[in-house]
């Protein structure tokens, strides 16, 4: 019992650190994007996409990290059925937006760094104009799609009361209907298929970026004057940063899928499996803001929290 209590306390502290640092990093980054928009009245396309990725990360941490932290530290138990539906809705919405915005960021950067004579030359000019529209459309679609599951949960709850159904899953902080099993076809069509499609696109975009950077490095070897370099160093650094972000996402997303599938196989999974799955689900939202901030220097990004009243907008624009 003492060893189990110690293990649970260690997991709870890990959840707490992951949640606090993750929220701090994401809110710092979100503040930076809002401040840049306020001072410059516009954002780079990649910054616009990253801003929405940050919002998705915050949703995941608030809906997954905070409840898991409270539960493992035994501060409170979430038993309200309405609270469970709201938490699961926010978690699924954040997860869907996280993978879609990461995919969009990877594909957009792949198109941006493509050679002028490639098949993407027309899309390279038109894409920035439609990014905001695409993101808005996907937010609306995800919100509508994930509303299916709370509505279906109400139907399942009524049916369970009348037929004594017991197909529920306890995630530690609440017990909810196991909709992935009850509505397998619906879940596959609305959630699994888009996630798999986005994952394939991220793999393709990552491979394309690696190939483009490799070809660029080969060309640069024969160029002695930096002024005639075919690609700016800053653009290469941005591509490497986005490539690192996409690779990190796919690593944690793959691990998350494996553990979630394992969790779904067992009717009564061990608490260890439940907690480890929760930790992995929050890993990318926790790490990604620091990867994004490193693109422009972590110190510079975090300093935006303190610069608003001490530095002029003209100076900030030059940074």
Protein backbone atom coordinates (compact mmCIF):
# COMPACT_ATOMS: atom_id res chain seq x y z
CA UNK A 1 0.00 0.00 0.00
CA UNK A 2 2.82 2.41 0.88
CA UNK A 3 4.62 1.69 -2.40
CA UNK A 4 1.40 2.19 -4.37
CA UNK A 5 0.69 5.46 -2.53
CA UNK A 6 4.23 6.64 -3.27
CA UNK A 7 3.89 5.68 -6.92
CA UNK A 8 0.57 7.50 -7.21
CA UNK A 9 2.04 10.57 -5.53
CA UNK A 10 4.98 10.54 -7.97
CA UNK A 11 2.58 10.26 -10.91
CA UNK A 12 0.46 13.05 -9.46
CA UNK A 13 3.49 15.34 -9.13
CA UNK A 14 4.48 14.48 -12.72
CA UNK A 15 0.98 15.39 -13.90
CA UNK A 16 1.15 18.62 -11.89
CA UNK A 17 4.50 19.69 -13.38
CA UNK A 18 3.39 18.70 -16.86
CA UNK A 19 0.14 20.65 -16.50
CA UNK A 20 1.57 23.80 -14.90
CA UNK A 21 4.56 24.08 -17.25
CA UNK A 22 2.43 23.16 -20.26
CA UNK A 23 -0.18 25.82 -19.49
CA UNK A 24 2.51 28.40 -18.75
CA UNK A 25 4.33 27.67 -22.01
CA UNK A 26 1.18 27.67 -24.14
CA UNK A 27 -0.31 30.80 -22.58
CA UNK A 28 3.07 32.57 -22.93
CA UNK A 29 3.18 31.66 -26.60
CA UNK A 30 -0.45 32.63 -27.13
CA UNK A 31 0.21 36.00 -25.46
CA UNK A 32 3.16 36.49 -27.80
CA UNK A 33 1.03 35.87 -30.90
CA UNK A 34 -1.73 38.18 -29.66
CA UNK A 35 0.81 40.87 -28.80
CA UNK A 36 2.43 40.61 -32.25
CA UNK A 37 -0.98 40.92 -33.87
CA UNK A 38 -1.83 43.92 -31.68
CA UNK A 39 1.41 45.72 -32.57
CA UNK A 40 1.75 44.70 -36.23
CA UNK A 41 -1.93 44.12 -37.15
CA UNK A 42 -0.94 40.93 -38.92
CA UNK A 43 0.81 37.60 -38.31
CA UNK A 44 2.96 35.40 -40.49
CA UNK A 45 0.97 32.49 -41.84
CA UNK A 46 3.00 30.01 -39.80
CA UNK A 47 2.40 32.10 -36.66
CA UNK A 48 -1.34 32.10 -37.38
CA UNK A 49 -1.36 28.30 -37.63
CA UNK A 50 0.80 27.95 -34.51
CA UNK A 51 -1.58 30.23 -32.60
CA UNK A 52 -4.45 27.82 -33.22
CA UNK A 53 -2.20 24.86 -32.39
CA UNK A 54 -1.48 26.56 -29.07
CA UNK A 55 -5.21 26.97 -28.38
CA UNK A 56 -5.73 23.27 -29.15
CA UNK A 57 -2.88 22.38 -26.77
CA UNK A 58 -4.48 24.44 -24.00
CA UNK A 59 -7.77 22.60 -24.51
CA UNK A 60 -6.04 19.22 -24.21
CA UNK A 61 -4.12 20.19 -21.07
CA UNK A 62 -7.17 21.71 -19.37
CA UNK A 63 -9.38 18.71 -20.20
CA UNK A 64 -6.81 15.95 -19.63
CA UNK A 65 -3.93 17.23 -17.53
CA UNK A 66 -5.91 19.19 -14.94
CA UNK A 67 -8.47 16.42 -14.13
CA UNK A 68 -5.73 13.76 -14.02
CA UNK A 69 -3.66 15.94 -11.69
CA UNK A 70 -6.60 16.54 -9.35
CA UNK A 71 -7.49 12.83 -9.33
CA UNK A 72 -4.01 11.41 -8.77
CA UNK A 73 -3.37 13.87 -5.94
CA UNK A 74 -6.79 12.90 -4.49
CA UNK A 75 -8.05 16.46 -4.32
CA UNK A 76 -11.45 15.76 -5.84
CA UNK A 77 -13.29 13.09 -7.84
CA UNK A 78 -15.23 14.10 -10.95
CA UNK A 79 -18.50 12.21 -10.73
CA UNK A 80 -20.85 14.56 -12.57
CA UNK A 81 -22.08 13.09 -15.83
CA UNK A 82 -22.37 16.56 -17.37
CA UNK A 83 -18.80 17.41 -16.33
CA UNK A 84 -17.58 14.18 -17.93
CA UNK A 85 -19.27 15.00 -21.22
CA UNK A 86 -17.81 18.51 -21.24
CA UNK A 87 -14.30 17.27 -20.39
CA UNK A 88 -14.35 14.54 -23.03
CA UNK A 89 -15.74 16.97 -25.60
CA UNK A 90 -12.95 19.48 -24.96
CA UNK A 91 -10.30 16.75 -25.01
CA UNK A 92 -11.46 15.31 -28.34
CA UNK A 93 -11.84 18.77 -29.87
CA UNK A 94 -8.33 19.76 -28.78
CA UNK A 95 -6.85 16.49 -30.04
CA UNK A 96 -8.50 16.83 -33.47
CA UNK A 97 -7.42 20.46 -33.86
CA UNK A 98 -3.90 19.58 -32.71
CA UNK A 99 -3.36 16.99 -35.42
CA UNK A 100 -5.09 19.07 -38.14
CA UNK A 101 -3.10 22.25 -37.40
CA UNK A 102 0.18 20.29 -37.18
CA UNK A 103 -0.66 18.74 -40.55
CA UNK A 104 -1.52 22.15 -42.02
CA UNK A 105 1.71 23.66 -40.70
CA UNK A 106 3.81 20.83 -42.16
CA UNK A 107 2.10 20.88 -45.55
CA UNK A 108 2.21 24.69 -45.79
CA UNK A 109 5.95 24.78 -45.02
CA UNK A 110 6.55 22.00 -47.57
CA UNK A 111 4.79 24.06 -50.23
CA UNK A 112 6.59 27.26 -49.15
CA UNK A 113 10.11 25.85 -49.52
CA UNK A 114 9.38 23.95 -52.72
CA UNK A 115 11.43 25.05 -55.78
CA UNK A 116 9.94 27.66 -58.10
CA UNK A 117 9.70 25.15 -60.92
CA UNK A 118 7.82 22.56 -58.87
CA UNK A 119 4.18 21.57 -59.29
CA UNK A 120 3.34 23.61 -56.16
CA UNK A 121 4.31 26.97 -57.67
CA UNK A 122 0.69 28.10 -58.16
CA UNK A 123 -0.40 26.84 -54.74
CA UNK A 124 2.55 28.63 -53.13
CA UNK A 125 1.03 31.98 -54.12
CA UNK A 126 -2.61 31.15 -53.34
CA UNK A 127 -2.24 29.11 -50.13
CA UNK A 128 -1.58 32.00 -47.67
CA UNK A 129 -4.88 33.65 -48.67
CA UNK A 130 -6.97 30.63 -47.64
CA UNK A 131 -5.20 29.45 -44.48
CA UNK A 132 -7.39 31.48 -42.09
CA UNK A 133 -10.54 30.32 -43.88
CA UNK A 134 -9.44 26.69 -43.70
CA UNK A 135 -8.66 26.91 -39.98
CA UNK A 136 -12.04 28.52 -39.23
CA UNK A 137 -13.82 25.88 -41.29
CA UNK A 138 -12.01 23.08 -39.47
CA UNK A 139 -12.80 24.52 -36.02
CA UNK A 140 -16.50 24.62 -36.92
CA UNK A 141 -16.41 21.13 -38.39
CA UNK A 142 -14.61 19.64 -35.39
CA UNK A 143 -17.00 21.31 -32.94
CA UNK A 144 -19.99 19.94 -34.83
CA UNK A 145 -18.50 16.46 -35.30
CA UNK A 146 -17.59 16.08 -31.64
CA UNK A 147 -21.06 17.21 -30.57
CA UNK A 148 -22.25 13.85 -31.92
CA UNK A 149 -20.66 12.04 -29.02
CA UNK A 150 -22.22 13.98 -26.11
CA UNK A 151 -25.60 13.65 -27.83
CA UNK A 152 -25.00 9.96 -28.38
CA UNK A 153 -23.93 9.64 -24.73
CA UNK A 154 -27.32 10.99 -23.64
CA UNK A 155 -29.01 8.34 -25.77
CA UNK A 156 -26.71 5.64 -24.35
CA UNK A 157 -27.35 6.79 -20.78
CA UNK A 158 -31.12 6.56 -21.25
CA UNK A 159 -30.79 3.18 -22.91
CA UNK A 160 -28.50 1.96 -20.14
CA UNK A 161 -31.06 2.88 -17.51
CA UNK A 162 -33.73 0.96 -19.37
CA UNK A 163 -31.63 -2.08 -20.41
CA UNK A 164 -29.04 -2.12 -17.62
CA UNK A 165 -26.07 -1.52 -19.94
CA UNK A 166 -22.68 -1.49 -18.20
CA UNK A 167 -20.41 -0.62 -21.12
CA UNK A 168 -18.60 2.27 -19.44
CA UNK A 169 -14.96 3.19 -19.05
CA UNK A 170 -13.45 4.75 -15.93
CA UNK A 171 -10.69 7.18 -16.86
CA UNK A 172 -9.81 7.97 -13.25
CA UNK A 173 -11.61 11.28 -12.95
CA UNK A 174 -14.99 10.22 -14.37
CA UNK A 175 -16.81 7.22 -15.80
CA UNK A 176 -18.40 7.68 -19.21
CA UNK A 177 -20.03 5.50 -21.81
CA UNK A 178 -17.44 3.69 -23.92
CA UNK A 179 -18.59 5.30 -27.14
CA UNK A 180 -15.65 4.00 -29.14
CA UNK A 181 -17.04 0.48 -28.71
CA UNK A 182 -20.74 1.31 -28.78
CA UNK A 183 -20.53 3.38 -31.96
CA UNK A 184 -17.47 1.85 -33.63
CA UNK A 185 -18.45 2.66 -37.21
CA UNK A 186 -19.38 6.24 -36.36
CA UNK A 187 -16.17 6.77 -34.40
CA UNK A 188 -14.07 5.32 -37.24
CA UNK A 189 -15.72 7.48 -39.90
CA UNK A 190 -15.66 10.77 -37.99
CA UNK A 191 -12.48 10.49 -35.91
CA UNK A 192 -10.15 7.65 -36.90
CA UNK A 193 -10.21 8.14 -40.67
CA UNK A 194 -9.42 11.90 -40.53
CA UNK A 195 -6.64 11.28 -37.98
CA UNK A 196 -5.07 8.58 -40.14
CA UNK A 197 -5.32 10.83 -43.21
CA UNK A 198 -3.67 13.74 -41.39
CA UNK A 199 -0.94 11.42 -40.07
CA UNK A 200 -0.16 10.24 -43.60
CA UNK A 201 0.02 13.87 -44.78
CA UNK A 202 2.38 14.76 -41.92
CA UNK A 203 4.65 11.83 -42.83
CA UNK A 204 4.61 12.91 -46.48
CA UNK A 205 5.29 16.56 -45.64
CA UNK A 206 8.12 15.64 -43.27
CA UNK A 207 9.73 13.44 -45.90
CA UNK A 208 9.38 16.19 -48.51
CA UNK A 209 10.95 18.77 -46.19
CA UNK A 210 13.87 16.45 -45.44
CA UNK A 211 14.41 15.84 -49.15
CA UNK A 212 14.23 19.58 -49.94
CA UNK A 213 16.70 20.46 -47.17
CA UNK A 214 19.06 17.72 -48.37
CA UNK A 215 18.96 18.98 -51.96
CA UNK A 216 19.49 22.52 -50.72
CA UNK A 217 22.54 21.51 -48.68
CA UNK A 218 23.99 19.77 -51.72
CA UNK A 219 23.53 22.91 -53.84
CA UNK A 220 25.01 25.19 -51.20
CA UNK A 221 28.22 23.13 -51.17
CA UNK A 222 29.03 24.50 -54.63
CA UNK A 223 28.16 28.11 -53.84
CA UNK A 224 30.93 30.27 -52.41
CA UNK A 225 29.07 33.56 -52.07
CA UNK A 226 26.29 33.68 -49.52
CA UNK A 227 24.53 36.46 -51.42
CA UNK A 228 23.59 34.11 -54.21
CA UNK A 229 22.32 31.34 -51.97
CA UNK A 230 19.11 29.87 -53.43
CA UNK A 231 17.44 29.69 -50.03
CA UNK A 232 17.67 32.00 -47.01
CA UNK A 233 19.22 30.50 -43.83
CA UNK A 234 16.26 31.77 -41.78
CA UNK A 235 13.86 29.81 -43.96
CA UNK A 236 15.93 26.67 -43.53
CA UNK A 237 15.95 27.13 -39.76
CA UNK A 238 12.17 27.62 -39.75
CA UNK A 239 11.77 24.45 -41.81
CA UNK A 240 13.98 22.47 -39.44
CA UNK A 241 11.96 23.79 -36.48
CA UNK A 242 8.65 22.78 -38.07
CA UNK A 243 10.14 19.41 -39.04
CA UNK A 244 11.18 18.85 -35.43
CA UNK A 245 7.69 19.81 -34.26
CA UNK A 246 6.01 17.44 -36.74
CA UNK A 247 8.38 14.58 -35.85
CA UNK A 248 7.75 15.10 -32.13
CA UNK A 249 4.02 15.14 -32.74
CA UNK A 250 4.08 11.89 -34.72
CA UNK A 251 6.19 10.15 -32.06
CA UNK A 252 3.83 11.06 -29.21
CA UNK A 253 0.72 10.63 -31.37
CA UNK A 254 1.80 7.10 -32.31
CA UNK A 255 2.55 6.24 -28.67
CA UNK A 256 -0.79 7.75 -27.63
CA UNK A 257 -2.67 5.65 -30.21
CA UNK A 258 -0.90 2.46 -29.08
CA UNK A 259 -1.70 3.07 -25.42
CA UNK A 260 -5.28 4.16 -26.14
CA UNK A 261 -5.87 1.00 -28.19
CA UNK A 262 -4.36 -1.08 -25.40
CA UNK A 263 -6.59 0.73 -22.91
CA UNK A 264 -9.65 0.04 -25.06
CA UNK A 265 -8.89 -3.70 -25.26
CA UNK A 266 -9.24 -4.25 -21.52
CA UNK A 267 -12.59 -3.83 -19.79
CA UNK A 268 -10.90 -3.18 -16.44
CA UNK A 269 -7.46 -1.74 -17.21
CA UNK A 270 -4.92 -1.25 -14.44
CA UNK A 271 -4.54 2.21 -12.94
CA UNK A 272 -0.91 2.19 -14.08
CA UNK A 273 -2.04 1.88 -17.72
CA UNK A 274 -4.66 4.61 -17.28
CA UNK A 275 -2.17 7.05 -15.75
CA UNK A 276 0.64 6.36 -18.24
CA UNK A 277 -1.81 6.81 -21.13
CA UNK A 278 -2.89 10.15 -19.65
CA UNK A 279 0.73 11.27 -19.29
CA UNK A 280 1.53 10.40 -22.90
CA UNK A 281 -1.61 12.16 -24.18
CA UNK A 282 -0.43 15.43 -22.61
CA UNK A 283 3.24 15.12 -23.64
CA UNK A 284 2.96 16.89 -27.00
CA UNK A 285 0.79 19.80 -25.74
CA UNK A 286 3.34 20.19 -22.94
CA UNK A 287 6.47 20.12 -25.16
CA UNK A 288 5.27 21.84 -28.36
CA UNK A 289 5.19 25.47 -27.10
CA UNK A 290 8.86 25.26 -26.15
CA UNK A 291 9.71 23.80 -29.56
CA UNK A 292 7.77 26.63 -31.23
CA UNK A 293 9.40 29.29 -29.07
CA UNK A 294 12.86 27.93 -29.89
CA UNK A 295 12.27 28.88 -33.52
CA UNK A 296 12.69 32.56 -32.65
CA UNK A 297 14.67 32.04 -29.43
CA UNK A 298 13.03 30.97 -26.17
CA UNK A 299 14.36 33.96 -24.28
CA UNK A 300 12.97 36.46 -26.80
CA UNK A 301 9.59 34.78 -26.83
CA UNK A 302 9.22 34.67 -23.07
CA UNK A 303 10.36 38.27 -22.74
CA UNK A 304 7.18 39.36 -24.55
CA UNK A 305 5.43 38.85 -21.22
CA UNK A 306 7.34 41.83 -19.84
CA UNK A 307 8.03 44.03 -22.87
CA UNK A 308 4.64 45.56 -23.55
CA UNK A 309 5.11 48.60 -21.32
CA UNK A 310 8.88 48.98 -21.65
CA UNK A 311 9.70 48.62 -25.37
CA UNK A 312 8.31 50.59 -28.27
CA UNK A 313 6.34 48.73 -31.00
CA UNK A 314 8.85 49.82 -33.66
CA UNK A 315 11.69 48.14 -31.79
CA UNK A 316 9.68 44.99 -31.23
CA UNK A 317 8.87 44.74 -34.95
CA UNK A 318 12.57 44.69 -35.70
CA UNK A 319 13.01 41.66 -33.46
